[in-house]
Amino acid sequence: MDLGEVAALIAAIAFAMLVLILVLPILRLRHTVDAATRMINDVNERTAPLLGEVDITVRNVNTALDQVQTSLDGVNLQLAKVDTMTNHAQSITANVANLATIISAAAASPLVKVAAFGYGVRPATAARRHAETEREVRDTIRQQQRGRRRGRG
């Protein structure tokens, strides 16, 4: 055996030892890959029904959202009607206030005049009564004085 053959034999033995050393981790790796493959297949089997249920749930949510949107559209229409009614009520209230102001001004002016006339008539009537009373007292005093003069004379 020459030197090249010995080197080839050492290389062959080293390669065989390397293969023997790597066989165990490769076998373990194979078991790990098989377990991972089984787990992925199991997850796929379980995920498909879940995705179907999620799809049904999303459809139900979309249906509910469509119903809510329809309800909100109805509410918005009703709010627009209420807004219109509020504007009309505000306009009516303003008209009534203006009418009340006009009526108040129209009624207040004659009422003020009547009240002022009544206020002026009272003192005038009182003064007239007072003047009549004074006249009667003066007449009575004059008659008494005349009666005394006649009684003396």
Protein backbone atom coordinates (compact mmCIF):
# COMPACT_ATOMS: atom_id res chain seq x y z
CA MET A 1 0.00 0.00 0.00
CA ASP A 2 1.31 3.17 -0.91
CA LEU A 3 0.75 6.56 0.60
CA GLY A 4 -2.18 7.54 -1.68
CA GLU A 5 -4.07 4.36 -0.82
CA VAL A 6 -3.56 4.92 2.93
CA ALA A 7 -4.84 8.48 2.56
CA ALA A 8 -7.87 7.21 0.61
CA LEU A 9 -8.52 4.58 3.29
CA ILE A 10 -8.30 7.22 6.08
CA ALA A 11 -10.61 9.48 4.13
CA ALA A 12 -13.08 6.63 3.62
CA ILE A 13 -13.01 5.76 7.34
CA ALA A 14 -13.40 9.42 8.28
CA PHE A 15 -16.32 9.74 5.86
CA ALA A 16 -17.94 6.59 7.29
CA MET A 17 -17.53 7.94 10.85
CA LEU A 18 -18.98 11.25 9.75
CA VAL A 19 -21.97 9.48 8.22
CA LEU A 20 -22.44 7.42 11.42
CA ILE A 21 -22.20 10.54 13.58
CA LEU A 22 -24.68 12.45 11.38
CA VAL A 23 -27.20 9.57 11.09
CA LEU A 24 -28.60 10.08 14.61
CA PRO A 25 -29.30 13.85 14.30
CA ILE A 26 -30.73 13.30 10.81
CA LEU A 27 -33.06 10.58 12.13
CA ARG A 28 -34.12 12.85 15.01
CA LEU A 29 -34.60 15.71 12.56
CA ARG A 30 -36.76 13.43 10.43
CA HIS A 31 -38.99 12.66 13.43
CA THR A 32 -39.23 16.40 14.18
CA VAL A 33 -40.14 17.18 10.57
CA ASP A 34 -42.75 14.41 10.61
CA ALA A 35 -44.25 15.77 13.87
CA ALA A 36 -44.31 19.29 12.44
CA THR A 37 -45.97 18.01 9.27
CA ARG A 38 -48.62 16.18 11.32
CA MET A 39 -49.21 19.33 13.40
CA ILE A 40 -49.54 21.50 10.30
CA ASN A 41 -51.99 19.03 8.77
CA ASP A 42 -53.96 18.96 12.04
CA VAL A 43 -54.04 22.77 12.16
CA ASN A 44 -55.21 22.84 8.53
CA GLU A 45 -58.00 20.38 9.33
CA ARG A 46 -59.14 22.47 12.32
CA THR A 47 -58.68 25.83 10.62
CA ALA A 48 -60.91 25.12 7.62
CA PRO A 49 -64.13 24.83 9.72
CA LEU A 50 -63.05 27.84 11.80
CA LEU A 51 -62.57 29.90 8.66
CA GLY A 52 -66.01 28.79 7.50
CA GLU A 53 -67.51 29.90 10.81
CA VAL A 54 -65.60 33.20 10.63
CA ASP A 55 -66.95 33.71 7.12
CA ILE A 56 -70.52 33.09 8.37
CA THR A 57 -69.91 35.46 11.30
CA VAL A 58 -68.57 38.17 8.99
CA ARG A 59 -71.64 37.77 6.75
CA ASN A 60 -73.93 38.06 9.79
CA VAL A 61 -72.07 41.16 10.97
CA ASN A 62 -72.34 42.69 7.49
CA THR A 63 -76.08 41.95 7.47
CA ALA A 64 -76.44 43.54 10.92
CA LEU A 65 -74.44 46.56 9.77
CA ASP A 66 -76.69 46.91 6.72
CA GLN A 67 -79.73 46.82 9.02
CA VAL A 68 -78.14 49.41 11.31
CA GLN A 69 -77.35 51.59 8.29
CA THR A 70 -80.98 51.29 7.15
CA SER A 71 -82.16 52.19 10.66
CA LEU A 72 -79.79 55.16 10.79
CA ASP A 73 -81.07 56.35 7.42
CA GLY A 74 -84.62 56.18 8.81
CA VAL A 75 -83.55 58.03 11.95
CA ASN A 76 -81.86 60.70 9.84
CA LEU A 77 -85.07 61.14 7.82
CA GLN A 78 -87.07 61.49 11.02
CA LEU A 79 -84.55 63.98 12.41
CA ALA A 80 -84.85 66.02 9.23
CA LYS A 81 -88.64 66.06 9.70
CA VAL A 82 -88.23 67.05 13.35
CA ASP A 83 -85.82 69.79 12.29
CA THR A 84 -88.39 71.08 9.81
CA MET A 85 -91.11 71.00 12.47
CA THR A 86 -88.82 72.82 14.89
CA ASN A 87 -88.13 75.52 12.31
CA HIS A 88 -91.88 75.89 11.69
CA ALA A 89 -92.57 76.03 15.44
CA GLN A 90 -89.88 78.69 15.81
CA SER A 91 -91.43 80.70 12.99
CA ILE A 92 -94.90 80.38 14.54
CA THR A 93 -93.55 81.42 17.93
CA ALA A 94 -91.91 84.49 16.40
CA ASN A 95 -95.17 85.36 14.60
CA VAL A 96 -97.18 84.97 17.82
CA ALA A 97 -94.68 87.14 19.70
CA ASN A 98 -94.93 89.82 17.02
CA LEU A 99 -98.73 89.61 17.07
CA ALA A 100 -98.76 89.87 20.87
CA THR A 101 -96.53 92.95 20.65
CA ILE A 102 -98.85 94.54 18.09
CA ILE A 103 -101.97 93.73 20.13
CA SER A 104 -100.30 94.94 23.29
CA ALA A 105 -99.31 98.20 21.63
CA ALA A 106 -102.78 98.65 20.12
CA ALA A 107 -104.58 97.83 23.37
CA ALA A 108 -102.13 99.61 25.63
CA SER A 109 -102.49 102.98 23.96
CA PRO A 110 -106.28 103.26 24.50
CA LEU A 111 -105.96 101.69 27.93
CA VAL A 112 -103.32 104.22 28.89
CA LYS A 113 -105.54 107.00 27.65
CA VAL A 114 -108.54 105.64 29.58
CA ALA A 115 -106.41 105.19 32.70
CA ALA A 116 -105.02 108.71 32.38
CA PHE A 117 -108.52 110.09 31.84
CA GLY A 118 -109.76 108.18 34.88
CA TYR A 119 -106.86 109.45 36.92
CA GLY A 120 -107.62 113.00 35.85
CA VAL A 121 -111.39 112.68 36.43
CA ARG A 122 -110.96 111.55 40.04
CA PRO A 123 -109.17 114.67 41.27
CA ALA A 124 -111.48 116.87 39.20
CA THR A 125 -114.55 115.19 40.71
CA ALA A 126 -113.06 115.45 44.17
CA ALA A 127 -112.27 119.13 43.62
CA ARG A 128 -115.82 119.75 42.38
CA ARG A 129 -117.29 118.02 45.42
CA HIS A 130 -114.99 119.98 47.64
CA ALA A 131 -116.02 123.21 45.90
CA GLU A 132 -119.71 122.31 46.27
CA THR A 133 -119.19 121.52 49.93
CA GLU A 134 -117.38 124.82 50.44
CA ARG A 135 -120.19 126.67 48.64
CA GLU A 136 -122.79 124.98 50.83
CA VAL A 137 -120.80 125.83 53.96
CA ARG A 138 -120.46 129.46 52.82
CA ASP A 139 -124.15 129.67 52.03
CA THR A 140 -124.99 128.19 55.41
CA ILE A 141 -122.69 130.66 57.17
CA ARG A 142 -124.20 133.57 55.21
CA GLN A 143 -127.70 132.49 56.09
CA GLN A 144 -126.76 132.19 59.73
CA GLN A 145 -125.20 135.64 59.62
CA ARG A 146 -128.29 137.06 57.92
CA GLY A 147 -130.48 135.36 60.48
CA ARG A 148 -128.50 136.94 63.29
CA ARG A 149 -128.66 140.32 61.66
CA ARG A 150 -132.39 140.04 61.22
CA GLY A 151 -132.76 138.85 64.79
CA ARG A 152 -130.81 141.83 66.08
CA GLY A 153 -132.27 144.47 63.92
